[in-house]
Amino acid sequence: MIHLIKALLDQSRRVSIASAFSTPAITNVLLTDLTRLTERGGVPRILLSTMGNLKRPKHLEQITRFVPGARVRIFHPEGVPLEETPPHFHAKAYLFERGPAQGSLIIGSSNFT
């Protein structure tokens, strides 16, 4: 799967990832590919969640620190205190946009970990 993601990143001008979780390991594995994307003017957009009460905010800092231009957002429902477990947001989707009306979509059971 990682080889497919790397190949799609190499062909894309923008990538959108929705995942419940993220770890530094995946950032390390894809760092070169994500950096090349941003150097070409591409934009990686990553949506994560507070599912499991997001115990390690440093995991998020790694993406924005080492992938310039990455847009990272956190989903947490309005009205739910941060110390409470939110309703499940367990999405796992990867959208790779190559050009007008061209791209690839992966939906599956793999988090950004």
N, C-alpha and C. Protein backbone atom coordinates (compact mmCIF):
# COMPACT_ATOMS: atom_id res chain seq x y z
N MET A 1 0.82 -1.19 0.00
CA MET A 1 0.00 0.00 0.00
C MET A 1 0.87 1.26 0.00
N ILE A 2 1.96 1.22 0.76
CA ILE A 2 2.80 2.40 0.85
C ILE A 2 3.43 2.74 -0.51
N HIS A 3 3.74 1.74 -1.30
CA HIS A 3 4.31 1.98 -2.63
C HIS A 3 3.28 2.67 -3.54
N LEU A 4 2.03 2.28 -3.42
CA LEU A 4 0.97 2.91 -4.20
C LEU A 4 0.80 4.37 -3.77
N ILE A 5 0.76 4.61 -2.48
CA ILE A 5 0.61 5.98 -1.97
C ILE A 5 1.77 6.85 -2.43
N LYS A 6 2.99 6.34 -2.36
CA LYS A 6 4.16 7.10 -2.81
C LYS A 6 4.05 7.42 -4.30
N ALA A 7 3.65 6.45 -5.10
CA ALA A 7 3.51 6.68 -6.55
C ALA A 7 2.44 7.73 -6.83
N LEU A 8 1.33 7.65 -6.13
CA LEU A 8 0.25 8.61 -6.34
C LEU A 8 0.66 10.02 -5.88
N LEU A 9 1.40 10.10 -4.79
CA LEU A 9 1.91 11.40 -4.34
C LEU A 9 2.81 12.02 -5.40
N ASP A 10 3.62 11.19 -6.05
CA ASP A 10 4.56 11.67 -7.06
C ASP A 10 3.82 12.23 -8.28
N GLN A 11 2.62 11.76 -8.55
CA GLN A 11 1.85 12.18 -9.71
C GLN A 11 0.87 13.31 -9.40
N SER A 12 0.68 13.62 -8.13
CA SER A 12 -0.42 14.51 -7.73
C SER A 12 0.02 15.95 -7.57
N ARG A 13 -0.97 16.83 -7.71
CA ARG A 13 -0.75 18.26 -7.42
C ARG A 13 -1.37 18.63 -6.08
N ARG A 14 -2.26 17.76 -5.60
CA ARG A 14 -2.88 17.97 -4.29
C ARG A 14 -3.32 16.63 -3.74
N VAL A 15 -3.18 16.48 -2.42
CA VAL A 15 -3.63 15.26 -1.77
C VAL A 15 -4.44 15.66 -0.54
N SER A 16 -5.56 14.96 -0.34
CA SER A 16 -6.40 15.18 0.83
C SER A 16 -6.51 13.85 1.56
N ILE A 17 -6.19 13.87 2.84
CA ILE A 17 -6.22 12.66 3.65
C ILE A 17 -7.13 12.89 4.84
N ALA A 18 -8.05 11.96 5.07
CA ALA A 18 -8.89 11.98 6.27
C ALA A 18 -8.59 10.70 7.01
N SER A 19 -8.16 10.82 8.25
CA SER A 19 -7.77 9.66 9.03
C SER A 19 -8.03 9.94 10.50
N ALA A 20 -8.45 8.92 11.21
CA ALA A 20 -8.70 9.09 12.64
C ALA A 20 -7.41 9.36 13.40
N PHE A 21 -6.31 8.75 12.95
CA PHE A 21 -5.06 8.84 13.69
C PHE A 21 -3.90 9.15 12.76
N SER A 22 -2.79 9.59 13.37
CA SER A 22 -1.54 9.80 12.66
C SER A 22 -0.41 9.51 13.63
N THR A 23 0.71 9.03 13.09
CA THR A 23 1.90 8.82 13.92
C THR A 23 3.11 9.40 13.19
N PRO A 24 4.17 9.70 13.94
CA PRO A 24 5.39 10.19 13.28
C PRO A 24 5.96 9.19 12.28
N ALA A 25 5.72 7.93 12.47
CA ALA A 25 6.27 6.91 11.57
C ALA A 25 5.84 7.16 10.12
N ILE A 26 4.56 7.43 9.90
CA ILE A 26 4.10 7.63 8.52
C ILE A 26 4.66 8.94 7.96
N THR A 27 4.78 9.95 8.79
CA THR A 27 5.38 11.20 8.33
C THR A 27 6.82 10.94 7.89
N ASN A 28 7.56 10.15 8.66
CA ASN A 28 8.95 9.84 8.31
C ASN A 28 9.03 9.06 7.00
N VAL A 29 8.14 8.10 6.81
CA VAL A 29 8.15 7.28 5.60
C VAL A 29 7.81 8.10 4.37
N LEU A 30 6.89 9.05 4.51
CA LEU A 30 6.43 9.84 3.36
C LEU A 30 7.03 11.24 3.28
N LEU A 31 7.96 11.55 4.17
CA LEU A 31 8.49 12.91 4.25
C LEU A 31 9.05 13.40 2.91
N THR A 32 9.87 12.62 2.26
CA THR A 32 10.45 13.03 0.99
C THR A 32 9.36 13.24 -0.06
N ASP A 33 8.39 12.33 -0.11
CA ASP A 33 7.32 12.42 -1.11
C ASP A 33 6.44 13.64 -0.86
N LEU A 34 6.10 13.88 0.40
CA LEU A 34 5.27 15.04 0.73
C LEU A 34 6.03 16.35 0.48
N THR A 35 7.32 16.35 0.77
CA THR A 35 8.14 17.55 0.53
C THR A 35 8.23 17.84 -0.96
N ARG A 36 8.42 16.81 -1.78
CA ARG A 36 8.46 17.01 -3.24
C ARG A 36 7.14 17.56 -3.75
N LEU A 37 6.04 17.07 -3.17
CA LEU A 37 4.71 17.58 -3.55
C LEU A 37 4.63 19.08 -3.29
N THR A 38 5.07 19.52 -2.11
CA THR A 38 4.99 20.95 -1.79
C THR A 38 5.97 21.75 -2.63
N GLU A 39 7.13 21.18 -2.96
CA GLU A 39 8.10 21.89 -3.81
C GLU A 39 7.56 22.12 -5.22
N ARG A 40 6.67 21.23 -5.67
CA ARG A 40 6.03 21.40 -6.98
C ARG A 40 4.83 22.34 -6.89
N GLY A 41 4.58 22.88 -5.71
CA GLY A 41 3.44 23.77 -5.53
C GLY A 41 2.19 23.04 -5.09
N GLY A 42 2.33 21.75 -4.80
CA GLY A 42 1.20 20.94 -4.35
C GLY A 42 0.85 21.22 -2.90
N VAL A 43 -0.33 20.81 -2.54
CA VAL A 43 -0.83 21.06 -1.19
C VAL A 43 -1.30 19.76 -0.55
N PRO A 44 -0.63 19.31 0.53
CA PRO A 44 -1.16 18.18 1.28
C PRO A 44 -2.13 18.70 2.35
N ARG A 45 -3.35 18.17 2.34
CA ARG A 45 -4.35 18.55 3.34
C ARG A 45 -4.67 17.29 4.15
N ILE A 46 -4.57 17.41 5.46
CA ILE A 46 -4.75 16.24 6.32
C ILE A 46 -5.76 16.58 7.41
N LEU A 47 -6.80 15.76 7.51
CA LEU A 47 -7.82 15.91 8.54
C LEU A 47 -7.72 14.72 9.48
N LEU A 48 -7.46 15.02 10.75
CA LEU A 48 -7.36 13.98 11.78
C LEU A 48 -8.46 14.21 12.81
N SER A 49 -8.53 13.36 13.81
CA SER A 49 -9.58 13.51 14.82
C SER A 49 -9.00 13.50 16.22
N THR A 50 -9.84 13.82 17.19
CA THR A 50 -9.47 13.72 18.59
C THR A 50 -9.96 12.40 19.18
N MET A 51 -10.35 11.48 18.32
CA MET A 51 -10.77 10.16 18.78
C MET A 51 -9.67 9.56 19.64
N GLY A 52 -10.02 9.01 20.78
CA GLY A 52 -9.03 8.51 21.71
C GLY A 52 -8.41 9.65 22.52
N ASN A 53 -9.01 10.82 22.44
CA ASN A 53 -8.60 12.04 23.16
C ASN A 53 -7.21 12.53 22.80
N LEU A 54 -6.73 12.19 21.62
CA LEU A 54 -5.48 12.70 21.07
C LEU A 54 -4.42 12.93 22.15
N LYS A 55 -3.82 11.88 22.60
CA LYS A 55 -2.88 11.94 23.71
C LYS A 55 -1.52 12.53 23.32
N ARG A 56 -1.22 12.58 22.02
CA ARG A 56 0.12 13.01 21.61
C ARG A 56 0.07 14.15 20.58
N PRO A 57 -0.15 15.37 21.02
CA PRO A 57 -0.19 16.49 20.07
C PRO A 57 1.10 16.67 19.28
N LYS A 58 2.23 16.18 19.82
CA LYS A 58 3.51 16.30 19.10
C LYS A 58 3.47 15.56 17.77
N HIS A 59 2.63 14.52 17.67
CA HIS A 59 2.49 13.81 16.40
C HIS A 59 2.01 14.76 15.32
N LEU A 60 1.14 15.67 15.68
CA LEU A 60 0.61 16.64 14.72
C LEU A 60 1.66 17.68 14.37
N GLU A 61 2.43 18.09 15.36
CA GLU A 61 3.47 19.07 15.12
C GLU A 61 4.49 18.57 14.12
N GLN A 62 4.75 17.27 14.11
CA GLN A 62 5.75 16.73 13.21
C GLN A 62 5.35 16.95 11.75
N ILE A 63 4.10 16.76 11.44
CA ILE A 63 3.64 16.96 10.06
C ILE A 63 3.86 18.41 9.65
N THR A 64 3.37 19.35 10.43
CA THR A 64 3.48 20.76 10.05
C THR A 64 4.91 21.26 10.13
N ARG A 65 5.71 20.68 10.98
CA ARG A 65 7.11 21.11 11.13
C ARG A 65 7.97 20.65 9.96
N PHE A 66 7.75 19.42 9.50
CA PHE A 66 8.63 18.84 8.49
C PHE A 66 8.05 18.84 7.08
N VAL A 67 6.79 19.17 6.94
CA VAL A 67 6.17 19.24 5.61
C VAL A 67 5.65 20.66 5.42
N PRO A 68 6.51 21.54 4.90
CA PRO A 68 6.10 22.93 4.73
C PRO A 68 4.89 23.03 3.80
N GLY A 69 3.94 23.82 4.22
CA GLY A 69 2.74 24.01 3.40
C GLY A 69 1.63 23.02 3.68
N ALA A 70 1.91 22.01 4.51
CA ALA A 70 0.85 21.04 4.84
C ALA A 70 -0.23 21.75 5.66
N ARG A 71 -1.45 21.43 5.33
CA ARG A 71 -2.59 21.97 6.08
C ARG A 71 -3.16 20.84 6.91
N VAL A 72 -3.01 20.94 8.21
CA VAL A 72 -3.49 19.91 9.12
C VAL A 72 -4.63 20.48 9.94
N ARG A 73 -5.72 19.78 9.97
CA ARG A 73 -6.88 20.19 10.75
C ARG A 73 -7.29 19.02 11.64
N ILE A 74 -7.92 19.37 12.75
CA ILE A 74 -8.39 18.37 13.71
C ILE A 74 -9.90 18.46 13.81
N PHE A 75 -10.56 17.32 13.67
CA PHE A 75 -12.01 17.27 13.82
C PHE A 75 -12.33 16.97 15.29
N HIS A 76 -13.11 17.85 15.90
CA HIS A 76 -13.66 17.62 17.24
C HIS A 76 -15.01 18.33 17.26
N PRO A 77 -16.09 17.59 17.49
CA PRO A 77 -17.43 18.20 17.41
C PRO A 77 -17.60 19.39 18.36
N GLU A 78 -18.22 20.42 17.83
CA GLU A 78 -18.53 21.60 18.64
C GLU A 78 -19.42 21.19 19.81
N GLY A 79 -19.15 21.75 20.95
CA GLY A 79 -19.97 21.48 22.13
C GLY A 79 -19.50 20.30 22.97
N VAL A 80 -18.53 19.55 22.49
CA VAL A 80 -17.99 18.42 23.25
C VAL A 80 -16.67 18.88 23.86
N PRO A 81 -16.58 18.92 25.21
CA PRO A 81 -15.33 19.35 25.85
C PRO A 81 -14.15 18.47 25.40
N LEU A 82 -12.97 19.08 25.27
CA LEU A 82 -11.80 18.33 24.79
C LEU A 82 -11.44 17.15 25.69
N GLU A 83 -11.77 17.23 26.98
CA GLU A 83 -11.41 16.13 27.88
C GLU A 83 -12.38 14.94 27.76
N GLU A 84 -13.48 15.12 27.03
CA GLU A 84 -14.44 14.03 26.81
C GLU A 84 -14.16 13.33 25.49
N THR A 85 -14.44 12.05 25.48
CA THR A 85 -14.28 11.29 24.25
C THR A 85 -15.38 11.69 23.28
N PRO A 86 -15.00 12.14 22.09
CA PRO A 86 -16.00 12.57 21.11
C PRO A 86 -16.63 11.37 20.43
N PRO A 87 -17.72 11.60 19.70
CA PRO A 87 -18.27 10.53 18.87
C PRO A 87 -17.21 10.09 17.86
N HIS A 88 -17.33 8.87 17.42
CA HIS A 88 -16.32 8.32 16.50
C HIS A 88 -16.23 9.10 15.19
N PHE A 89 -15.02 9.40 14.82
CA PHE A 89 -14.67 9.90 13.50
C PHE A 89 -13.56 8.96 13.05
N HIS A 90 -13.92 7.95 12.35
CA HIS A 90 -12.97 6.89 12.04
C HIS A 90 -12.76 6.77 10.54
N ALA A 91 -12.77 7.90 9.86
CA ALA A 91 -12.60 7.92 8.41
C ALA A 91 -11.18 7.51 8.02
N LYS A 92 -11.10 6.91 6.86
CA LYS A 92 -9.80 6.54 6.27
C LYS A 92 -9.94 6.71 4.77
N ALA A 93 -9.57 7.87 4.26
CA ALA A 93 -9.72 8.14 2.83
C ALA A 93 -8.55 8.99 2.35
N TYR A 94 -8.11 8.69 1.14
CA TYR A 94 -6.98 9.37 0.52
C TYR A 94 -7.41 9.79 -0.89
N LEU A 95 -7.41 11.08 -1.16
CA LEU A 95 -7.78 11.61 -2.47
C LEU A 95 -6.55 12.25 -3.10
N PHE A 96 -6.16 11.75 -4.25
CA PHE A 96 -5.00 12.25 -4.98
C PHE A 96 -5.50 12.94 -6.25
N GLU A 97 -5.24 14.24 -6.36
CA GLU A 97 -5.69 15.01 -7.53
C GLU A 97 -4.49 15.28 -8.44
N ARG A 98 -4.61 14.79 -9.70
CA ARG A 98 -3.52 14.97 -10.66
C ARG A 98 -3.77 16.18 -11.55
N GLY A 99 -4.97 16.39 -11.96
CA GLY A 99 -5.32 17.49 -12.86
C GLY A 99 -6.82 17.63 -12.91
N PRO A 100 -7.31 18.49 -13.79
CA PRO A 100 -8.76 18.65 -13.89
C PRO A 100 -9.44 17.31 -14.19
N ALA A 101 -10.32 16.91 -13.32
CA ALA A 101 -11.10 15.68 -13.45
C ALA A 101 -10.23 14.43 -13.53
N GLN A 102 -9.03 14.49 -12.97
CA GLN A 102 -8.15 13.33 -12.94
C GLN A 102 -7.63 13.12 -11.53
N GLY A 103 -7.72 11.89 -11.08
CA GLY A 103 -7.21 11.60 -9.75
C GLY A 103 -7.49 10.18 -9.35
N SER A 104 -7.17 9.89 -8.12
CA SER A 104 -7.39 8.56 -7.55
C SER A 104 -7.92 8.72 -6.14
N LEU A 105 -8.72 7.77 -5.72
CA LEU A 105 -9.30 7.78 -4.39
C LEU A 105 -9.09 6.40 -3.77
N ILE A 106 -8.56 6.39 -2.57
CA ILE A 106 -8.41 5.15 -1.81
C ILE A 106 -9.26 5.30 -0.56
N ILE A 107 -10.17 4.38 -0.36
CA ILE A 107 -10.97 4.35 0.86
C ILE A 107 -10.76 2.98 1.46
N GLY A 108 -10.38 2.95 2.73
CA GLY A 108 -10.10 1.64 3.30
C GLY A 108 -9.85 1.68 4.77
N SER A 109 -9.17 0.67 5.23
CA SER A 109 -9.01 0.49 6.67
C SER A 109 -7.63 0.86 7.16
N SER A 110 -6.94 1.74 6.47
CA SER A 110 -5.59 2.12 6.89
C SER A 110 -5.56 3.57 7.35
N ASN A 111 -5.26 3.78 8.65
CA ASN A 111 -5.09 5.12 9.17
C ASN A 111 -3.77 5.70 8.66
N PHE A 112 -3.53 6.97 8.92
CA PHE A 112 -2.30 7.64 8.54
C PHE A 112 -1.27 7.35 9.63
N THR A 113 -0.97 6.06 9.78
CA THR A 113 -0.05 5.61 10.84
C THR A 113 1.02 4.73 10.27
